[in-house]
Amino acid sequence: MIKSIKGIPYKFKAKVWRYDGPNGWYFVSLPKKISKEIRTLLKSEEEGWGRLKATAKIGETEWLTAIWFDTKQDTYLLPLKAEVRVKKGLGTDDLVEVSIWV
């Protein structure tokens, strides 16, 4: 078991999407309501480019990561590591239930 980032828990469902740029990263966008709450409470904790350390979990798969604030979408983005996507068989447009702690 990995050591979790202790923090505020959130749970949501979102579709997986792929960034069309170089390397084609996969993400889920946090709901705007949750993003607004996180930004209100923790903006002062953000590191460069709106980064906040987090722990994420899909099913029984948990990993240390970060969420990034995207000003264009006005929401935080959670990158999905390739290892997690492969293990869970996730692809574009799949609906996933995500738990995060920030």
N, C-alpha and C. Protein backbone atom coordinates (compact mmCIF):
# COMPACT_ATOMS: atom_id res chain seq x y z
N MET A 1 0.85 -1.19 0.00
CA MET A 1 0.00 0.00 0.00
C MET A 1 0.88 1.24 0.00
N ILE A 2 0.52 2.22 -0.77
CA ILE A 2 1.30 3.46 -0.82
C ILE A 2 0.87 4.38 0.31
N LYS A 3 1.73 5.29 0.65
CA LYS A 3 1.38 6.29 1.66
C LYS A 3 0.54 7.37 0.99
N SER A 4 -0.67 7.57 1.49
CA SER A 4 -1.58 8.55 0.92
C SER A 4 -1.22 9.95 1.37
N ILE A 5 -1.53 10.91 0.51
CA ILE A 5 -1.50 12.31 0.90
C ILE A 5 -2.73 12.51 1.77
N LYS A 6 -2.53 12.97 2.98
CA LYS A 6 -3.68 13.21 3.86
C LYS A 6 -4.33 14.52 3.43
N GLY A 7 -5.61 14.52 3.34
CA GLY A 7 -6.28 15.74 2.92
C GLY A 7 -7.77 15.55 2.79
N ILE A 8 -8.37 16.45 2.06
CA ILE A 8 -9.82 16.48 1.88
C ILE A 8 -10.21 15.42 0.84
N PRO A 9 -11.16 14.53 1.19
CA PRO A 9 -11.58 13.51 0.22
C PRO A 9 -12.68 14.01 -0.71
N TYR A 10 -12.62 13.57 -1.96
CA TYR A 10 -13.65 13.87 -2.95
C TYR A 10 -13.89 12.60 -3.76
N LYS A 11 -15.13 12.39 -4.19
CA LYS A 11 -15.48 11.24 -5.02
C LYS A 11 -16.38 11.74 -6.14
N PHE A 12 -16.10 11.29 -7.36
CA PHE A 12 -16.88 11.75 -8.52
C PHE A 12 -16.76 10.76 -9.65
N LYS A 13 -17.64 10.92 -10.64
CA LYS A 13 -17.58 10.13 -11.87
C LYS A 13 -17.24 11.10 -13.00
N ALA A 14 -16.40 10.64 -13.92
CA ALA A 14 -16.01 11.47 -15.06
C ALA A 14 -15.57 10.58 -16.22
N LYS A 15 -15.64 11.15 -17.42
CA LYS A 15 -15.17 10.42 -18.62
C LYS A 15 -13.68 10.67 -18.83
N VAL A 16 -13.01 9.62 -19.25
CA VAL A 16 -11.59 9.72 -19.62
C VAL A 16 -11.51 10.43 -20.97
N TRP A 17 -10.55 11.35 -21.09
CA TRP A 17 -10.32 12.01 -22.37
C TRP A 17 -8.81 12.09 -22.63
N ARG A 18 -8.47 12.25 -23.89
CA ARG A 18 -7.07 12.26 -24.31
C ARG A 18 -6.70 13.63 -24.87
N TYR A 19 -5.59 14.15 -24.36
CA TYR A 19 -5.04 15.40 -24.88
C TYR A 19 -4.43 15.12 -26.25
N ASP A 20 -4.73 15.97 -27.23
CA ASP A 20 -4.28 15.74 -28.60
C ASP A 20 -2.84 16.16 -28.87
N GLY A 21 -2.19 16.79 -27.91
CA GLY A 21 -0.83 17.27 -28.12
C GLY A 21 0.20 16.16 -28.05
N PRO A 22 1.47 16.56 -27.99
CA PRO A 22 2.57 15.60 -27.92
C PRO A 22 2.38 14.65 -26.73
N ASN A 23 2.67 13.39 -26.93
CA ASN A 23 2.62 12.32 -25.93
C ASN A 23 1.20 11.88 -25.57
N GLY A 24 0.18 12.64 -25.96
CA GLY A 24 -1.20 12.21 -25.80
C GLY A 24 -1.61 11.74 -24.42
N TRP A 25 -1.38 12.54 -23.40
CA TRP A 25 -1.76 12.19 -22.03
C TRP A 25 -3.27 11.99 -21.92
N TYR A 26 -3.66 11.12 -20.98
CA TYR A 26 -5.07 10.87 -20.67
C TYR A 26 -5.40 11.53 -19.34
N PHE A 27 -6.62 12.07 -19.25
CA PHE A 27 -7.06 12.79 -18.06
C PHE A 27 -8.51 12.48 -17.74
N VAL A 28 -8.90 12.85 -16.54
CA VAL A 28 -10.30 13.07 -16.20
C VAL A 28 -10.37 14.49 -15.65
N SER A 29 -11.44 15.19 -15.97
CA SER A 29 -11.65 16.54 -15.46
C SER A 29 -12.51 16.44 -14.20
N LEU A 30 -12.07 17.10 -13.15
CA LEU A 30 -12.88 17.14 -11.95
C LEU A 30 -14.12 17.98 -12.21
N PRO A 31 -15.24 17.63 -11.58
CA PRO A 31 -16.43 18.46 -11.73
C PRO A 31 -16.15 19.90 -11.30
N LYS A 32 -16.77 20.85 -11.98
CA LYS A 32 -16.50 22.27 -11.69
C LYS A 32 -16.84 22.65 -10.25
N LYS A 33 -17.89 22.07 -9.70
CA LYS A 33 -18.26 22.37 -8.32
C LYS A 33 -17.15 21.95 -7.35
N ILE A 34 -16.62 20.77 -7.56
CA ILE A 34 -15.51 20.28 -6.71
C ILE A 34 -14.28 21.13 -6.94
N SER A 35 -13.98 21.45 -8.19
CA SER A 35 -12.81 22.27 -8.50
C SER A 35 -12.91 23.64 -7.85
N LYS A 36 -14.09 24.23 -7.88
CA LYS A 36 -14.28 25.54 -7.27
C LYS A 36 -14.01 25.47 -5.77
N GLU A 37 -14.52 24.42 -5.12
CA GLU A 37 -14.30 24.26 -3.69
C GLU A 37 -12.81 24.08 -3.38
N ILE A 38 -12.14 23.21 -4.14
CA ILE A 38 -10.71 22.98 -3.93
C ILE A 38 -9.93 24.28 -4.14
N ARG A 39 -10.26 25.00 -5.21
CA ARG A 39 -9.53 26.24 -5.51
C ARG A 39 -9.75 27.28 -4.41
N THR A 40 -10.95 27.36 -3.89
CA THR A 40 -11.26 28.30 -2.81
C THR A 40 -10.47 27.95 -1.55
N LEU A 41 -10.43 26.66 -1.22
CA LEU A 41 -9.79 26.23 0.02
C LEU A 41 -8.26 26.13 -0.07
N LEU A 42 -7.75 25.74 -1.24
CA LEU A 42 -6.34 25.34 -1.32
C LEU A 42 -5.49 26.09 -2.34
N LYS A 43 -6.02 27.15 -2.95
CA LYS A 43 -5.24 27.89 -3.96
C LYS A 43 -3.88 28.30 -3.41
N SER A 44 -3.81 28.67 -2.15
CA SER A 44 -2.54 29.11 -1.55
C SER A 44 -1.53 27.97 -1.46
N GLU A 45 -1.99 26.73 -1.58
CA GLU A 45 -1.10 25.56 -1.51
C GLU A 45 -0.60 25.12 -2.89
N GLU A 46 -1.14 25.72 -3.95
CA GLU A 46 -0.75 25.32 -5.30
C GLU A 46 0.73 25.62 -5.54
N GLU A 47 1.34 24.70 -6.27
CA GLU A 47 2.71 24.89 -6.73
C GLU A 47 2.63 25.45 -8.15
N GLY A 48 3.71 25.44 -8.88
CA GLY A 48 3.72 25.99 -10.24
C GLY A 48 2.64 25.43 -11.12
N TRP A 49 2.07 26.28 -11.96
CA TRP A 49 1.04 25.92 -12.95
C TRP A 49 -0.21 25.35 -12.30
N GLY A 50 -0.53 25.77 -11.09
CA GLY A 50 -1.77 25.34 -10.44
C GLY A 50 -1.77 23.89 -9.98
N ARG A 51 -0.60 23.37 -9.63
CA ARG A 51 -0.44 21.97 -9.25
C ARG A 51 -0.70 21.78 -7.76
N LEU A 52 -1.50 20.77 -7.44
CA LEU A 52 -1.73 20.36 -6.06
C LEU A 52 -1.45 18.87 -5.92
N LYS A 53 -0.65 18.50 -4.95
CA LYS A 53 -0.38 17.08 -4.70
C LYS A 53 -1.66 16.40 -4.26
N ALA A 54 -1.80 15.14 -4.66
CA ALA A 54 -3.02 14.40 -4.36
C ALA A 54 -2.73 12.90 -4.35
N THR A 55 -3.67 12.17 -3.80
CA THR A 55 -3.72 10.72 -3.93
C THR A 55 -5.00 10.43 -4.71
N ALA A 56 -4.92 9.54 -5.68
CA ALA A 56 -6.09 9.18 -6.48
C ALA A 56 -6.33 7.68 -6.37
N LYS A 57 -7.59 7.31 -6.57
CA LYS A 57 -7.95 5.89 -6.50
C LYS A 57 -9.08 5.61 -7.47
N ILE A 58 -8.89 4.57 -8.28
CA ILE A 58 -9.93 4.05 -9.16
C ILE A 58 -10.03 2.57 -8.83
N GLY A 59 -11.21 2.14 -8.39
CA GLY A 59 -11.35 0.76 -7.93
C GLY A 59 -10.42 0.54 -6.74
N GLU A 60 -9.60 -0.49 -6.82
CA GLU A 60 -8.64 -0.77 -5.75
C GLU A 60 -7.25 -0.22 -6.08
N THR A 61 -7.11 0.45 -7.22
CA THR A 61 -5.82 0.98 -7.65
C THR A 61 -5.66 2.41 -7.15
N GLU A 62 -4.64 2.61 -6.30
CA GLU A 62 -4.39 3.91 -5.69
C GLU A 62 -2.99 4.37 -6.05
N TRP A 63 -2.82 5.68 -6.32
CA TRP A 63 -1.50 6.18 -6.68
C TRP A 63 -1.31 7.61 -6.22
N LEU A 64 -0.06 7.98 -5.98
CA LEU A 64 0.30 9.36 -5.68
C LEU A 64 0.39 10.13 -6.98
N THR A 65 -0.14 11.33 -6.98
CA THR A 65 -0.20 12.12 -8.22
C THR A 65 -0.35 13.59 -7.87
N ALA A 66 -0.85 14.34 -8.81
CA ALA A 66 -1.18 15.75 -8.60
C ALA A 66 -2.34 16.09 -9.52
N ILE A 67 -3.09 17.10 -9.13
CA ILE A 67 -4.10 17.65 -10.03
C ILE A 67 -3.60 19.01 -10.48
N TRP A 68 -3.99 19.41 -11.67
CA TRP A 68 -3.51 20.66 -12.28
C TRP A 68 -4.71 21.51 -12.64
N PHE A 69 -4.66 22.79 -12.33
CA PHE A 69 -5.77 23.67 -12.69
C PHE A 69 -5.61 24.12 -14.14
N ASP A 70 -6.66 23.90 -14.92
CA ASP A 70 -6.67 24.29 -16.32
C ASP A 70 -7.57 25.52 -16.46
N THR A 71 -6.96 26.66 -16.74
CA THR A 71 -7.72 27.91 -16.83
C THR A 71 -8.68 27.90 -18.02
N LYS A 72 -8.37 27.16 -19.09
CA LYS A 72 -9.26 27.11 -20.25
C LYS A 72 -10.56 26.38 -19.92
N GLN A 73 -10.46 25.31 -19.16
CA GLN A 73 -11.65 24.55 -18.79
C GLN A 73 -12.22 24.99 -17.43
N ASP A 74 -11.47 25.82 -16.72
CA ASP A 74 -11.87 26.30 -15.40
C ASP A 74 -12.14 25.15 -14.44
N THR A 75 -11.25 24.17 -14.47
CA THR A 75 -11.37 23.00 -13.61
C THR A 75 -10.00 22.34 -13.42
N TYR A 76 -9.91 21.49 -12.43
CA TYR A 76 -8.68 20.71 -12.23
C TYR A 76 -8.71 19.48 -13.11
N LEU A 77 -7.53 19.05 -13.54
CA LEU A 77 -7.37 17.86 -14.35
C LEU A 77 -6.56 16.84 -13.56
N LEU A 78 -6.98 15.59 -13.63
CA LEU A 78 -6.26 14.48 -13.02
C LEU A 78 -5.66 13.64 -14.14
N PRO A 79 -4.32 13.63 -14.25
CA PRO A 79 -3.70 12.78 -15.26
C PRO A 79 -3.80 11.31 -14.86
N LEU A 80 -4.06 10.45 -15.83
CA LEU A 80 -4.12 9.01 -15.57
C LEU A 80 -2.84 8.36 -16.06
N LYS A 81 -2.08 7.81 -15.14
CA LYS A 81 -0.83 7.14 -15.51
C LYS A 81 -1.13 5.96 -16.42
N ALA A 82 -0.22 5.69 -17.36
CA ALA A 82 -0.39 4.57 -18.28
C ALA A 82 -0.57 3.26 -17.52
N GLU A 83 0.18 3.08 -16.46
CA GLU A 83 0.09 1.86 -15.65
C GLU A 83 -1.33 1.67 -15.11
N VAL A 84 -1.95 2.75 -14.67
CA VAL A 84 -3.32 2.69 -14.15
C VAL A 84 -4.30 2.40 -15.27
N ARG A 85 -4.15 3.10 -16.39
CA ARG A 85 -5.06 2.88 -17.53
C ARG A 85 -5.01 1.44 -18.02
N VAL A 86 -3.80 0.89 -18.14
CA VAL A 86 -3.64 -0.49 -18.62
C VAL A 86 -4.25 -1.46 -17.61
N LYS A 87 -3.92 -1.27 -16.34
CA LYS A 87 -4.42 -2.16 -15.29
C LYS A 87 -5.95 -2.18 -15.24
N LYS A 88 -6.56 -1.01 -15.45
CA LYS A 88 -8.01 -0.89 -15.39
C LYS A 88 -8.69 -1.01 -16.76
N GLY A 89 -7.89 -1.12 -17.84
CA GLY A 89 -8.44 -1.24 -19.18
C GLY A 89 -9.21 0.00 -19.61
N LEU A 90 -8.70 1.17 -19.26
CA LEU A 90 -9.40 2.43 -19.53
C LEU A 90 -8.97 3.05 -20.85
N GLY A 91 -9.95 3.60 -21.54
CA GLY A 91 -9.69 4.31 -22.79
C GLY A 91 -10.56 5.55 -22.87
N THR A 92 -10.40 6.29 -23.95
CA THR A 92 -11.16 7.51 -24.18
C THR A 92 -12.67 7.25 -24.06
N ASP A 93 -13.34 8.16 -23.37
CA ASP A 93 -14.79 8.15 -23.16
C ASP A 93 -15.29 7.12 -22.16
N ASP A 94 -14.39 6.36 -21.52
CA ASP A 94 -14.84 5.46 -20.46
C ASP A 94 -15.23 6.29 -19.24
N LEU A 95 -16.32 5.92 -18.61
CA LEU A 95 -16.78 6.60 -17.40
C LEU A 95 -16.16 5.89 -16.19
N VAL A 96 -15.47 6.65 -15.35
CA VAL A 96 -14.80 6.06 -14.18
C VAL A 96 -15.25 6.75 -12.91
N GLU A 97 -15.26 6.01 -11.83
CA GLU A 97 -15.51 6.57 -10.51
C GLU A 97 -14.15 6.78 -9.86
N VAL A 98 -13.89 8.01 -9.46
CA VAL A 98 -12.58 8.40 -8.93
C VAL A 98 -12.74 8.92 -7.51
N SER A 99 -11.81 8.50 -6.65
CA SER A 99 -11.68 9.11 -5.32
C SER A 99 -10.34 9.83 -5.30
N ILE A 100 -10.33 11.04 -4.78
CA ILE A 100 -9.06 11.76 -4.61
C ILE A 100 -9.03 12.39 -3.22
N TRP A 101 -7.81 12.60 -2.76
CA TRP A 101 -7.56 13.29 -1.52
C TRP A 101 -6.55 14.39 -1.82
N VAL A 102 -6.89 15.65 -1.53
CA VAL A 102 -5.97 16.77 -1.77
C VAL A 102 -5.72 17.52 -0.50
